N, C-alpha and C. Protein backbone atom coordinates (compact mmCIF):
# COMPACT_ATOMS: atom_id res chain seq x y z
N MET A 1 -21.48 27.76 91.05
CA MET A 1 -20.63 26.70 91.12
C MET A 1 -21.07 25.74 92.46
N GLY A 2 -21.32 24.77 92.19
CA GLY A 2 -21.80 23.74 93.75
C GLY A 2 -20.43 23.16 94.06
N GLN A 3 -20.48 22.54 95.28
CA GLN A 3 -19.63 22.01 96.01
C GLN A 3 -18.93 20.81 95.16
N ALA A 4 -19.60 20.28 94.33
CA ALA A 4 -18.88 19.12 93.42
C ALA A 4 -18.04 19.80 92.52
N ASP A 5 -18.22 20.99 92.18
CA ASP A 5 -17.19 21.72 91.22
C ASP A 5 -16.04 22.29 91.79
N PHE A 6 -15.75 22.16 93.15
CA PHE A 6 -14.75 22.83 93.74
C PHE A 6 -13.49 22.16 93.24
N GLY A 7 -12.45 22.98 92.87
CA GLY A 7 -11.19 22.59 92.45
C GLY A 7 -11.05 22.10 90.80
N ARG A 8 -12.10 22.28 90.14
CA ARG A 8 -12.16 21.79 88.74
C ARG A 8 -11.88 23.12 87.97
N THR A 9 -11.03 23.11 86.99
CA THR A 9 -10.87 24.22 86.30
C THR A 9 -11.26 24.20 84.79
N ARG A 10 -11.31 23.10 84.28
CA ARG A 10 -11.79 22.81 82.74
C ARG A 10 -13.12 21.89 82.91
N ASP A 11 -14.23 22.26 82.47
CA ASP A 11 -15.50 21.51 82.56
C ASP A 11 -16.23 21.62 81.20
N ARG A 12 -15.92 22.75 80.37
CA ARG A 12 -16.70 23.03 79.31
C ARG A 12 -16.23 22.25 78.09
N SER A 13 -17.10 21.79 77.14
CA SER A 13 -16.80 21.42 75.85
C SER A 13 -16.15 22.36 74.90
N ASP A 14 -16.29 23.54 74.95
CA ASP A 14 -15.70 24.58 74.10
C ASP A 14 -14.25 24.93 74.49
N GLY A 15 -13.69 24.16 75.40
CA GLY A 15 -12.14 24.40 75.78
C GLY A 15 -12.03 25.59 76.79
N ARG A 16 -13.00 25.99 77.36
CA ARG A 16 -12.75 27.05 78.22
C ARG A 16 -12.84 26.67 79.65
N ARG A 17 -12.14 27.27 80.59
CA ARG A 17 -12.33 26.96 82.10
C ARG A 17 -13.70 27.32 82.51
N LEU A 18 -14.05 26.90 83.71
CA LEU A 18 -15.41 27.31 84.36
C LEU A 18 -15.51 28.79 84.61
N ASP A 19 -14.31 29.51 84.59
CA ASP A 19 -14.43 30.90 84.81
C ASP A 19 -14.31 31.71 83.54
N GLY A 20 -14.39 30.83 82.49
CA GLY A 20 -14.48 31.41 80.99
C GLY A 20 -13.09 31.87 80.40
N VAL A 21 -11.98 31.50 80.99
CA VAL A 21 -10.68 31.97 80.40
C VAL A 21 -10.50 30.65 79.23
N PRO A 22 -10.04 31.10 78.04
CA PRO A 22 -9.56 29.99 77.19
C PRO A 22 -8.37 29.27 77.69
N VAL A 23 -8.33 27.94 77.55
CA VAL A 23 -7.24 27.09 77.77
C VAL A 23 -6.51 26.94 76.58
N ALA A 24 -5.00 27.14 76.61
CA ALA A 24 -4.21 26.91 75.55
C ALA A 24 -3.96 25.40 75.21
N GLU A 25 -3.88 25.21 74.00
CA GLU A 25 -3.81 23.80 73.71
C GLU A 25 -2.32 23.56 73.86
N PRO A 26 -1.84 22.22 74.35
CA PRO A 26 -0.37 21.77 74.51
C PRO A 26 0.43 21.97 73.10
N GLN A 27 1.45 22.51 73.17
CA GLN A 27 2.43 22.58 72.03
C GLN A 27 3.37 21.21 71.99
N THR A 28 3.62 20.92 70.79
CA THR A 28 4.64 19.82 70.62
C THR A 28 6.02 20.34 71.05
N PRO A 29 6.74 19.83 71.83
CA PRO A 29 8.09 20.31 72.30
C PRO A 29 9.15 20.38 71.05
N ALA A 30 9.86 21.33 71.10
CA ALA A 30 10.86 21.59 70.21
C ALA A 30 12.06 20.47 70.76
N PRO A 31 12.82 20.02 69.60
CA PRO A 31 13.71 18.98 70.03
C PRO A 31 15.01 19.75 70.76
N LEU A 32 15.40 19.03 71.60
CA LEU A 32 16.39 19.39 72.50
C LEU A 32 17.82 19.63 71.64
N PRO A 33 18.56 20.66 71.96
CA PRO A 33 19.99 20.81 71.06
C PRO A 33 20.95 20.01 71.97
N LEU A 34 20.91 18.78 72.02
CA LEU A 34 21.72 17.90 72.83
C LEU A 34 23.10 18.13 72.28
N SER A 35 23.42 18.38 70.98
CA SER A 35 24.79 18.40 70.56
C SER A 35 25.69 19.83 70.94
N GLU A 36 24.76 20.81 70.99
CA GLU A 36 25.20 21.97 71.39
C GLU A 36 25.48 22.00 73.06
N ILE A 37 24.54 21.29 73.76
CA ILE A 37 24.81 21.05 75.04
C ILE A 37 26.05 20.27 75.47
N GLU A 38 26.16 19.25 74.79
CA GLU A 38 27.23 18.35 74.87
C GLU A 38 28.66 18.98 74.55
N GLU A 39 28.63 19.94 73.51
CA GLU A 39 30.03 20.56 73.14
C GLU A 39 30.24 21.60 74.19
N ALA A 40 29.28 22.26 74.70
CA ALA A 40 29.54 23.13 76.01
C ALA A 40 30.15 22.56 77.03
N ILE A 41 29.75 21.30 77.46
CA ILE A 41 30.28 20.46 78.72
C ILE A 41 31.55 19.95 78.37
N ARG A 42 31.84 19.42 76.94
CA ARG A 42 33.12 19.00 76.76
C ARG A 42 34.04 20.08 76.87
N GLY A 43 33.92 21.27 76.46
CA GLY A 43 34.96 22.48 76.28
C GLY A 43 35.08 23.00 77.85
N VAL A 44 34.71 22.45 78.87
CA VAL A 44 34.83 23.01 80.18
C VAL A 44 35.68 22.24 81.10
N ARG A 45 36.78 22.47 81.51
CA ARG A 45 37.57 21.64 82.31
C ARG A 45 37.22 22.04 83.81
N HIS A 46 37.07 23.28 84.14
CA HIS A 46 36.59 24.03 85.52
C HIS A 46 35.74 24.83 85.05
N GLY A 47 34.34 25.05 85.59
CA GLY A 47 33.42 26.00 85.17
C GLY A 47 32.06 25.46 85.32
N ILE A 48 31.14 26.22 84.77
CA ILE A 48 29.72 26.16 84.62
C ILE A 48 29.33 26.10 83.34
N VAL A 49 28.13 25.22 83.23
CA VAL A 49 27.39 25.21 81.94
C VAL A 49 25.97 25.30 82.39
N GLN A 50 25.33 26.46 81.98
CA GLN A 50 24.03 26.80 82.42
C GLN A 50 23.01 26.90 81.20
N ILE A 51 21.99 26.12 81.45
CA ILE A 51 20.84 25.99 80.36
C ILE A 51 19.68 26.72 80.56
N ILE A 52 19.33 27.85 79.85
CA ILE A 52 18.17 28.70 80.03
C ILE A 52 16.96 28.00 79.30
N ILE A 53 15.89 27.95 80.00
CA ILE A 53 14.61 27.36 79.47
C ILE A 53 13.68 28.36 79.57
N GLN A 54 12.84 28.71 78.59
CA GLN A 54 11.64 29.50 78.73
C GLN A 54 10.55 28.78 78.05
N ASP A 55 9.39 28.76 78.63
CA ASP A 55 8.20 28.18 78.26
C ASP A 55 8.67 26.61 77.87
N GLY A 56 9.33 25.95 78.37
CA GLY A 56 9.91 24.62 78.04
C GLY A 56 10.73 24.21 76.85
N VAL A 57 11.39 25.45 76.57
CA VAL A 57 12.32 25.52 75.22
C VAL A 57 13.68 25.96 75.50
N VAL A 58 14.67 25.26 75.40
CA VAL A 58 15.88 25.70 75.60
C VAL A 58 16.19 26.99 74.65
N VAL A 59 16.46 28.19 75.20
CA VAL A 59 16.60 29.41 74.64
C VAL A 59 18.20 29.81 74.66
N GLN A 60 18.93 29.51 75.59
CA GLN A 60 20.32 29.78 75.64
C GLN A 60 21.33 28.86 76.49
N ILE A 61 22.36 28.78 76.09
CA ILE A 61 23.39 27.83 76.72
C ILE A 61 24.65 28.67 77.08
N ASP A 62 24.86 29.09 78.39
CA ASP A 62 25.92 29.68 78.72
C ASP A 62 26.96 28.81 79.28
N ARG A 63 28.39 29.32 79.14
CA ARG A 63 29.49 28.51 79.54
C ARG A 63 30.46 29.57 80.22
N THR A 64 30.74 29.09 81.51
CA THR A 64 31.78 30.00 82.05
C THR A 64 32.84 29.21 82.58
N ASP A 65 34.12 29.58 81.89
CA ASP A 65 35.36 28.73 82.23
C ASP A 65 36.01 29.54 83.34
N LYS A 66 36.59 28.58 84.12
CA LYS A 66 37.54 29.04 85.41
C LYS A 66 38.95 28.65 85.15
N ARG A 67 39.95 29.60 85.35
CA ARG A 67 41.22 29.11 85.27
C ARG A 67 41.76 29.11 86.63
N ARG A 68 42.31 28.01 86.98
CA ARG A 68 42.82 27.65 88.28
C ARG A 68 44.48 28.17 88.20
N LEU A 69 44.97 28.82 89.22
CA LEU A 69 46.24 29.46 89.10
C LEU A 69 47.10 28.63 90.02
N ARG A 70 46.52 27.75 90.82
CA ARG A 70 47.14 27.05 91.88
C ARG A 70 48.54 27.61 92.34
């Protein structure tokens, strides 16, 4: 690899990086479950809504409700 190749990872027409490792093609993103997220947020007066994402996809929505006893 010459100095001009420094920092380049994808150079070959066969879809492999310069080091020979195949490059994954981008996936079309799954639609966001906005209605489920909105429902979780509406149901919380005091608490936390946590959205778990793996590989760019929402896989879990956690809701923790807190009860204030004042």
